[in-house]
Amino acid sequence: QVQLVESGGGLVQPGGSLRLSCSAVGGNMFSFSRMGWYRQAPGKQRELVGAGTNGGRTVYGDSVKGRATVSRDSAKNMLALQMTSLKPEGTGVYYCRRVIGSDNEYWGQGTQVTVSS
């Protein structure tokens, strides 16, 4: 089974940028699947950051539109998330998600991002 491992989190100042990576262990994460990034702020539900669709597009959550870019490197078996102009409300755990078919989903363990001065 493919395991997802996120990395790149840490402390970022408001207005700063970050790049997160999701790597796969045990197989090709992009095989027959859609990949995406989600985040969960303290005390809140997990929300979409950016994710691929069946049509091949990437959709982004309203709170990050224009400030987030999801990209994939198939050769490296890696999914990346680039975020700019970070806000304190961007603090939370960022997760990589893999969806196979209509209802088989797998999550990484998450990486903590704290946006604070």
C-alpha atoms as a PDB file:
ATOM      1  CA  GLN A   1       0.000   0.000   0.000  1.00  0.00           C
ATOM      2  CA  VAL A   2       1.246   3.460  -0.864  1.00  0.00           C
ATOM      3  CA  GLN A   3       2.089   5.584   2.159  1.00  0.00           C
ATOM      4  CA  LEU A   4       2.115   9.352   1.916  1.00  0.00           C
ATOM      5  CA  VAL A   5       4.684  11.422   3.769  1.00  0.00           C
ATOM      6  CA  GLU A   6       4.412  15.206   4.044  1.00  0.00           C
ATOM      7  CA  SER A   7       7.328  17.489   4.800  1.00  0.00           C
ATOM      8  CA  GLY A   8       8.294  21.147   4.741  1.00  0.00           C
ATOM      9  CA  GLY A   9       6.153  22.564   7.515  1.00  0.00           C
ATOM     10  CA  GLY A  10       7.355  24.963  10.168  1.00  0.00           C
ATOM     11  CA  LEU A  11       7.067  28.524  11.368  1.00  0.00           C
ATOM     12  CA  VAL A  12       6.387  31.186   8.744  1.00  0.00           C
ATOM     13  CA  GLN A  13       5.887  34.907   9.214  1.00  0.00           C
ATOM     14  CA  PRO A  14       2.672  36.520   7.956  1.00  0.00           C
ATOM     15  CA  GLY A  15       3.116  37.475   4.341  1.00  0.00           C
ATOM     16  CA  GLY A  16       5.736  34.812   3.855  1.00  0.00           C
ATOM     17  CA  SER A  17       5.848  31.789   1.592  1.00  0.00           C
ATOM     18  CA  LEU A  18       6.269  28.067   2.018  1.00  0.00           C
ATOM     19  CA  ARG A  19       6.616  24.942  -0.030  1.00  0.00           C
ATOM     20  CA  LEU A  20       5.340  21.614   1.186  1.00  0.00           C
ATOM     21  CA  SER A  21       6.109  18.231  -0.317  1.00  0.00           C
ATOM     22  CA  CYS A  22       4.248  14.962  -0.309  1.00  0.00           C
ATOM     23  CA  SER A  23       6.256  11.878  -1.145  1.00  0.00           C
ATOM     24  CA  ALA A  24       5.062   8.334  -1.596  1.00  0.00           C
ATOM     25  CA  VAL A  25       6.572   5.175  -0.181  1.00  0.00           C
ATOM     26  CA  GLY A  26       5.658   1.822  -1.621  1.00  0.00           C
ATOM     27  CA  GLY A  27       4.307   2.783  -5.019  1.00  0.00           C
ATOM     28  CA  ASN A  28       3.322   5.414  -7.540  1.00  0.00           C
ATOM     29  CA  MET A  29       1.014   7.902  -5.873  1.00  0.00           C
ATOM     30  CA  PHE A  30      -0.360   9.128  -9.203  1.00  0.00           C
ATOM     31  CA  SER A  31      -1.409   5.735 -10.511  1.00  0.00           C
ATOM     32  CA  PHE A  32      -5.205   5.651 -11.014  1.00  0.00           C
ATOM     33  CA  SER A  33      -5.653   8.366  -8.425  1.00  0.00           C
ATOM     34  CA  ARG A  34      -6.314  12.016  -7.756  1.00  0.00           C
ATOM     35  CA  MET A  35      -4.057  13.886  -5.369  1.00  0.00           C
ATOM     36  CA  GLY A  36      -4.597  16.953  -3.263  1.00  0.00           C
ATOM     37  CA  TRP A  37      -3.726  19.064  -0.268  1.00  0.00           C
ATOM     38  CA  TYR A  38      -5.975  19.817   2.668  1.00  0.00           C
ATOM     39  CA  ARG A  39      -5.463  21.617   5.931  1.00  0.00           C
ATOM     40  CA  GLN A  40      -7.014  21.591   9.369  1.00  0.00           C
ATOM     41  CA  ALA A  41      -6.848  24.564  11.664  1.00  0.00           C
ATOM     42  CA  PRO A  42      -7.158  24.080  15.420  1.00  0.00           C
ATOM     43  CA  GLY A  43     -10.778  23.442  16.343  1.00  0.00           C
ATOM     44  CA  LYS A  44     -11.966  23.475  12.741  1.00  0.00           C
ATOM     45  CA  GLN A  45     -12.862  20.974  10.077  1.00  0.00           C
ATOM     46  CA  ARG A  46     -10.401  19.891   7.460  1.00  0.00           C
ATOM     47  CA  GLU A  47     -10.688  22.038   4.341  1.00  0.00           C
ATOM     48  CA  LEU A  48      -9.552  21.940   0.760  1.00  0.00           C
ATOM     49  CA  VAL A  49      -6.372  23.753  -0.218  1.00  0.00           C
ATOM     50  CA  GLY A  50      -5.986  22.393  -3.737  1.00  0.00           C
ATOM     51  CA  ALA A  51      -6.770  19.070  -5.401  1.00  0.00           C
ATOM     52  CA  GLY A  52      -6.917  17.435  -8.781  1.00  0.00           C
ATOM     53  CA  THR A  53     -10.205  16.508 -10.424  1.00  0.00           C
ATOM     54  CA  ASN A  54     -11.240  13.691 -12.729  1.00  0.00           C
ATOM     55  CA  GLY A  55     -11.087  16.155 -15.602  1.00  0.00           C
ATOM     56  CA  GLY A  56      -7.446  16.896 -14.961  1.00  0.00           C
ATOM     57  CA  ARG A  57      -7.950  20.342 -13.496  1.00  0.00           C
ATOM     58  CA  THR A  58      -6.853  21.562 -10.095  1.00  0.00           C
ATOM     59  CA  VAL A  59      -9.419  23.238  -7.898  1.00  0.00           C
ATOM     60  CA  TYR A  60      -8.541  25.465  -4.957  1.00  0.00           C
ATOM     61  CA  GLY A  61     -10.294  26.394  -1.778  1.00  0.00           C
ATOM     62  CA  ASP A  62     -11.786  29.875  -1.635  1.00  0.00           C
ATOM     63  CA  SER A  63      -9.543  30.878   1.252  1.00  0.00           C
ATOM     64  CA  VAL A  64      -6.340  30.237  -0.721  1.00  0.00           C
ATOM     65  CA  LYS A  65      -7.285  31.109  -4.308  1.00  0.00           C
ATOM     66  CA  GLY A  66      -4.561  33.078  -5.978  1.00  0.00           C
ATOM     67  CA  ARG A  67      -2.055  32.203  -3.251  1.00  0.00           C
ATOM     68  CA  ALA A  68      -1.683  28.448  -3.613  1.00  0.00           C
ATOM     69  CA  THR A  69      -0.285  26.281  -6.386  1.00  0.00           C
ATOM     70  CA  VAL A  70      -0.347  22.496  -6.439  1.00  0.00           C
ATOM     71  CA  SER A  71       2.132  20.813  -8.718  1.00  0.00           C
ATOM     72  CA  ARG A  72       3.249  17.283  -9.378  1.00  0.00           C
ATOM     73  CA  ASP A  73       6.562  15.724 -10.280  1.00  0.00           C
ATOM     74  CA  SER A  74       5.771  12.280 -11.623  1.00  0.00           C
ATOM     75  CA  ALA A  75       9.416  11.370 -12.078  1.00  0.00           C
ATOM     76  CA  LYS A  76      10.063  12.027  -8.394  1.00  0.00           C
ATOM     77  CA  ASN A  77       6.698  10.627  -7.312  1.00  0.00           C
ATOM     78  CA  MET A  78       6.053  13.845  -5.430  1.00  0.00           C
ATOM     79  CA  LEU A  79       3.239  16.346  -4.984  1.00  0.00           C
ATOM     80  CA  ALA A  80       4.087  19.894  -3.961  1.00  0.00           C
ATOM     81  CA  LEU A  81       2.162  22.809  -2.523  1.00  0.00           C
ATOM     82  CA  GLN A  82       3.497  26.329  -2.926  1.00  0.00           C
ATOM     83  CA  MET A  83       1.785  29.033  -0.898  1.00  0.00           C
ATOM     84  CA  THR A  84       2.429  32.766  -0.824  1.00  0.00           C
ATOM     85  CA  SER A  85       1.145  35.710   1.211  1.00  0.00           C
ATOM     86  CA  LEU A  86       0.461  33.476   4.149  1.00  0.00           C
ATOM     87  CA  LYS A  87      -1.963  34.649   6.809  1.00  0.00           C
ATOM     88  CA  PRO A  88      -2.219  33.659  10.486  1.00  0.00           C
ATOM     89  CA  GLU A  89      -5.435  31.789   9.686  1.00  0.00           C
ATOM     90  CA  GLY A  90      -3.320  29.538   7.490  1.00  0.00           C
ATOM     91  CA  THR A  91      -1.972  27.921  10.644  1.00  0.00           C
ATOM     92  CA  GLY A  92      -2.806  24.257  10.878  1.00  0.00           C
ATOM     93  CA  VAL A  93      -1.833  20.762   9.885  1.00  0.00           C
ATOM     94  CA  TYR A  94      -1.466  20.274   6.151  1.00  0.00           C
ATOM     95  CA  TYR A  95      -2.324  16.875   4.742  1.00  0.00           C
ATOM     96  CA  CYS A  96      -1.719  15.109   1.487  1.00  0.00           C
ATOM     97  CA  ARG A  97      -4.656  13.070   0.251  1.00  0.00           C
ATOM     98  CA  ARG A  98      -4.896  10.338  -2.347  1.00  0.00           C
ATOM     99  CA  VAL A  99      -8.226   9.265  -3.811  1.00  0.00           C
ATOM    100  CA  ILE A 100      -8.705   6.097  -5.832  1.00  0.00           C
ATOM    101  CA  GLY A 101     -12.028   5.632  -7.550  1.00  0.00           C
ATOM    102  CA  SER A 102     -15.033   7.226  -5.903  1.00  0.00           C
ATOM    103  CA  ASP A 103     -14.523   6.517  -2.234  1.00  0.00           C
ATOM    104  CA  ASN A 104     -11.104   5.095  -1.435  1.00  0.00           C
ATOM    105  CA  GLU A 105      -9.066   7.781   0.227  1.00  0.00           C
ATOM    106  CA  TYR A 106      -5.701   7.755   1.944  1.00  0.00           C
ATOM    107  CA  TRP A 107      -4.066  10.445   4.019  1.00  0.00           C
ATOM    108  CA  GLY A 108      -0.567  11.247   5.127  1.00  0.00           C
ATOM    109  CA  GLN A 109       0.261  12.009   8.735  1.00  0.00           C
ATOM    110  CA  GLY A 110       0.330  15.755   8.090  1.00  0.00           C
ATOM    111  CA  THR A 111       2.850  18.509   8.597  1.00  0.00           C
ATOM    112  CA  GLN A 112       2.358  21.453  10.949  1.00  0.00           C
ATOM    113  CA  VAL A 113       2.458  24.981   9.573  1.00  0.00           C
ATOM    114  CA  THR A 114       2.366  27.936  11.941  1.00  0.00           C
ATOM    115  CA  VAL A 115       1.946  31.434  10.552  1.00  0.00           C
ATOM    116  CA  SER A 116       2.978  33.871  13.224  1.00  0.00           C
ATOM    117  CA  SER A 117       5.299  36.769  13.882  1.00  0.00           C
END
